[in-house]
Amino acid sequence: MNKLLISSLVTLVAFTYSPAQANDAAKAETAECASFLDHKVRKLNATNEIDLCELTAGKATLIINTASDCGYTPQFEGLEALHKKYKDQGLVVVGFPSGEFFQERDDEKETAKVCFIDYGVTFTMVNTVEVRGDEAHPVFQHLASETTAPKWNFYKYLVNKDGEVQHFNTRVAPDDKAFVDAIEAAL
């Protein structure tokens, strides 16, 4: 390669990948996820899967069991606001739709419409799962063993970088001061 081309490439890399970004990338590669998040799940209304471990490694994670036809469904707006405010600081938000309380739509396409179109959700939403009992997704089995199983839709579980779990019930709004303080402490 000629020296001018190599110099141009080095300059381009220097402008697009700063030392701080290189440090962040190195941290992400060495960070571990909480062992109970070592699962692949299908994205909502899609065929592709996401690796929860890869998504959450070294980050604070907010896990919510959601429903499309619940009186608490408008909490999607506040959860999205939290996602936007804290994602660059390392918060990962993951919604798990559940028909456990008979308030989730039977058609996943309809669930996706409520989340993505009606409420503008951009945080990760996965396929519909069970969240209580023997048939609960392994993530929720662990959350129940550490705290409690969801008693209703929009239970919130905050997992810090060390895998320690706090739960917040349905009535705790996403903008509740104690909840926001807990998120900031987990970051």
Protein backbone atom coordinates (compact mmCIF):
# COMPACT_ATOMS: atom_id res chain seq x y z
CA MET A 1 0.00 0.00 0.00
CA ASN A 2 1.22 3.45 -0.61
CA LYS A 3 2.20 5.61 2.36
CA LEU A 4 -0.48 8.23 1.69
CA LEU A 5 -3.26 5.63 1.75
CA ILE A 6 -1.94 4.09 4.99
CA SER A 7 -1.64 7.52 6.58
CA SER A 8 -5.21 8.34 5.53
CA LEU A 9 -6.51 5.10 7.02
CA VAL A 10 -4.70 5.68 10.30
CA THR A 11 -6.11 9.21 10.47
CA LEU A 12 -9.63 7.92 9.71
CA VAL A 13 -9.36 5.29 12.43
CA ALA A 14 -8.06 7.87 14.90
CA PHE A 15 -11.04 10.12 14.24
CA THR A 16 -13.64 7.36 14.38
CA TYR A 17 -12.26 5.29 17.26
CA SER A 18 -10.89 7.39 20.09
CA PRO A 19 -8.79 6.00 22.97
CA ALA A 20 -11.84 6.36 25.24
CA GLN A 21 -13.89 4.25 22.83
CA ALA A 22 -11.11 1.67 22.66
CA ASN A 23 -11.10 1.54 26.47
CA ASP A 24 -14.90 1.14 26.54
CA ALA A 25 -14.69 -1.64 23.94
CA ALA A 26 -12.01 -3.45 25.95
CA LYS A 27 -14.15 -3.20 29.11
CA ALA A 28 -17.19 -4.56 27.26
CA GLU A 29 -15.20 -7.52 25.94
CA THR A 30 -14.00 -8.47 29.41
CA ALA A 31 -17.24 -7.69 31.28
CA GLU A 32 -19.38 -10.57 32.35
CA CYS A 33 -23.11 -10.77 32.56
CA ALA A 34 -25.09 -12.02 35.52
CA SER A 35 -25.20 -15.80 35.05
CA PHE A 36 -29.02 -15.89 35.06
CA LEU A 37 -28.98 -13.66 31.96
CA ASP A 38 -27.00 -16.19 29.95
CA HIS A 39 -29.89 -16.90 27.56
CA LYS A 40 -30.85 -16.19 24.00
CA VAL A 41 -34.34 -14.87 23.43
CA ARG A 42 -36.27 -14.06 20.32
CA LYS A 43 -36.98 -10.40 19.69
CA LEU A 44 -40.63 -9.35 19.72
CA ASN A 45 -42.38 -10.06 16.41
CA ALA A 46 -39.11 -11.11 14.76
CA THR A 47 -37.23 -14.27 13.92
CA ASN A 48 -33.81 -13.16 15.12
CA GLU A 49 -32.58 -13.74 18.64
CA ILE A 50 -30.59 -11.59 21.00
CA ASP A 51 -28.04 -12.82 23.48
CA LEU A 52 -29.06 -11.34 26.83
CA CYS A 53 -25.60 -11.98 28.24
CA GLU A 54 -23.93 -10.05 25.44
CA LEU A 55 -26.51 -7.27 25.68
CA THR A 56 -26.18 -6.79 29.45
CA ALA A 57 -22.54 -7.64 30.21
CA GLY A 58 -21.07 -5.07 32.57
CA LYS A 59 -24.22 -2.95 32.56
CA ALA A 60 -27.08 -2.18 34.89
CA THR A 61 -30.21 -3.86 33.54
CA LEU A 62 -33.88 -3.06 34.03
CA ILE A 63 -36.17 -6.03 33.34
CA ILE A 64 -39.94 -5.50 33.15
CA ASN A 65 -42.82 -7.88 32.56
CA THR A 66 -45.16 -5.94 30.30
CA ALA A 67 -48.68 -6.19 28.90
CA SER A 68 -50.43 -4.36 26.08
CA ASP A 69 -53.93 -4.10 27.52
CA CYS A 70 -53.30 -3.18 31.14
CA GLY A 71 -54.10 -0.03 33.06
CA TYR A 72 -50.34 0.30 33.59
CA THR A 73 -49.46 0.03 29.89
CA PRO A 74 -48.85 3.82 29.72
CA GLN A 75 -45.74 3.14 31.85
CA PHE A 76 -44.09 2.34 28.51
CA GLU A 77 -43.70 6.11 28.05
CA GLY A 78 -41.77 6.53 31.30
CA LEU A 79 -39.70 3.40 30.69
CA GLU A 80 -38.76 4.72 27.26
CA ALA A 81 -37.78 8.05 28.83
CA LEU A 82 -35.51 6.20 31.29
CA HIS A 83 -34.00 4.23 28.42
CA LYS A 84 -33.23 7.39 26.47
CA LYS A 85 -31.86 9.24 29.48
CA TYR A 86 -29.58 6.49 30.82
CA LYS A 87 -28.65 4.22 27.89
CA ASP A 88 -25.41 6.10 27.21
CA GLN A 89 -24.49 5.69 30.89
CA GLY A 90 -24.89 1.92 30.65
CA LEU A 91 -28.54 1.14 31.43
CA VAL A 92 -30.10 -1.67 29.41
CA VAL A 93 -33.90 -1.93 29.45
CA VAL A 94 -35.54 -5.21 28.45
CA GLY A 95 -39.29 -5.75 28.26
CA PHE A 96 -40.78 -9.23 28.47
CA PRO A 97 -44.43 -9.26 27.37
CA SER A 98 -46.47 -11.78 29.30
CA GLY A 99 -50.02 -13.04 29.09
CA GLU A 100 -49.74 -14.26 32.67
CA PHE A 101 -52.42 -11.84 33.88
CA PHE A 102 -54.58 -12.13 30.73
CA GLN A 103 -53.81 -8.63 29.51
CA GLU A 104 -51.47 -9.36 26.64
CA ARG A 105 -52.64 -9.67 23.08
CA ASP A 106 -52.65 -13.14 21.53
CA ASP A 107 -51.11 -11.85 18.31
CA GLU A 108 -47.45 -10.88 18.69
CA LYS A 109 -47.81 -8.43 15.80
CA GLU A 110 -50.46 -6.57 17.82
CA THR A 111 -48.21 -6.54 20.89
CA ALA A 112 -45.40 -5.10 18.77
CA LYS A 113 -47.75 -2.41 17.43
CA VAL A 114 -48.67 -1.31 20.96
CA CYS A 115 -45.02 -1.18 22.02
CA PHE A 116 -43.30 0.24 18.96
CA ILE A 117 -46.00 2.33 17.27
CA ASP A 118 -48.41 3.38 20.01
CA TYR A 119 -45.74 4.05 22.67
CA GLY A 120 -42.59 4.55 20.58
CA VAL A 121 -40.57 1.97 22.49
CA THR A 122 -36.97 1.69 21.27
CA PHE A 123 -35.60 -0.41 24.12
CA THR A 124 -35.31 -4.18 23.70
CA MET A 125 -38.58 -6.09 23.69
CA VAL A 126 -38.57 -9.88 23.49
CA ASN A 127 -41.15 -12.51 22.67
CA THR A 128 -44.03 -13.24 25.04
CA VAL A 129 -43.01 -15.44 27.99
CA GLU A 130 -44.41 -16.88 31.21
CA VAL A 131 -43.20 -14.97 34.27
CA ARG A 132 -44.52 -17.02 37.20
CA GLY A 133 -44.50 -20.62 38.32
CA ASP A 134 -42.83 -23.71 36.94
CA GLU A 135 -43.27 -22.58 33.34
CA ALA A 136 -41.67 -19.17 33.92
CA HIS A 137 -38.77 -18.15 31.73
CA PRO A 138 -35.48 -18.94 33.53
CA VAL A 139 -34.76 -15.22 33.93
CA PHE A 140 -37.99 -14.79 35.88
CA GLN A 141 -37.43 -17.98 37.85
CA HIS A 142 -34.18 -16.47 39.08
CA LEU A 143 -35.72 -13.07 39.77
CA ALA A 144 -38.46 -14.77 41.82
CA SER A 145 -35.88 -16.74 43.81
CA GLU A 146 -33.93 -13.56 44.55
CA THR A 147 -36.90 -11.27 45.28
CA THR A 148 -40.45 -12.17 44.33
CA ALA A 149 -42.38 -13.27 41.27
CA PRO A 150 -44.40 -10.55 39.56
CA LYS A 151 -47.77 -10.07 41.20
CA TRP A 152 -49.05 -8.06 38.22
CA ASN A 153 -47.86 -6.49 34.98
CA PHE A 154 -45.05 -3.93 34.96
CA TYR A 155 -43.06 -5.34 37.86
CA LYS A 156 -39.60 -3.88 37.53
CA TYR A 157 -36.35 -5.67 38.37
CA LEU A 158 -33.16 -3.65 38.54
CA VAL A 159 -30.01 -5.73 38.22
CA ASN A 160 -26.76 -3.96 39.05
CA LYS A 161 -23.41 -4.71 37.38
CA ASP A 162 -22.67 -7.33 40.06
CA GLY A 163 -25.93 -9.20 39.39
CA GLU A 164 -27.68 -8.03 42.57
CA VAL A 165 -31.42 -7.63 42.10
CA GLN A 166 -33.91 -5.09 43.46
CA HIS A 167 -37.59 -5.24 42.58
CA PHE A 168 -40.20 -2.53 42.32
CA ASN A 169 -43.88 -3.32 42.09
CA THR A 170 -46.36 -2.25 39.46
CA ARG A 171 -47.42 0.90 41.28
CA VAL A 172 -43.89 2.31 41.24
CA ALA A 173 -43.93 4.71 38.30
CA PRO A 174 -40.83 4.96 36.11
CA ASP A 175 -40.30 8.55 37.28
CA ASP A 176 -40.62 7.70 41.00
CA LYS A 177 -37.71 9.37 42.81
CA ALA A 178 -36.68 6.29 44.79
CA PHE A 179 -36.74 4.20 41.60
CA VAL A 180 -34.69 6.73 39.63
CA ASP A 181 -32.24 7.02 42.54
CA ALA A 182 -31.84 3.22 42.52
CA ILE A 183 -31.12 3.27 38.77
CA GLU A 184 -28.53 6.01 39.17
CA ALA A 185 -26.87 4.09 42.03
CA ALA A 186 -26.78 0.93 39.87
CA LEU A 187 -25.04 2.79 37.06
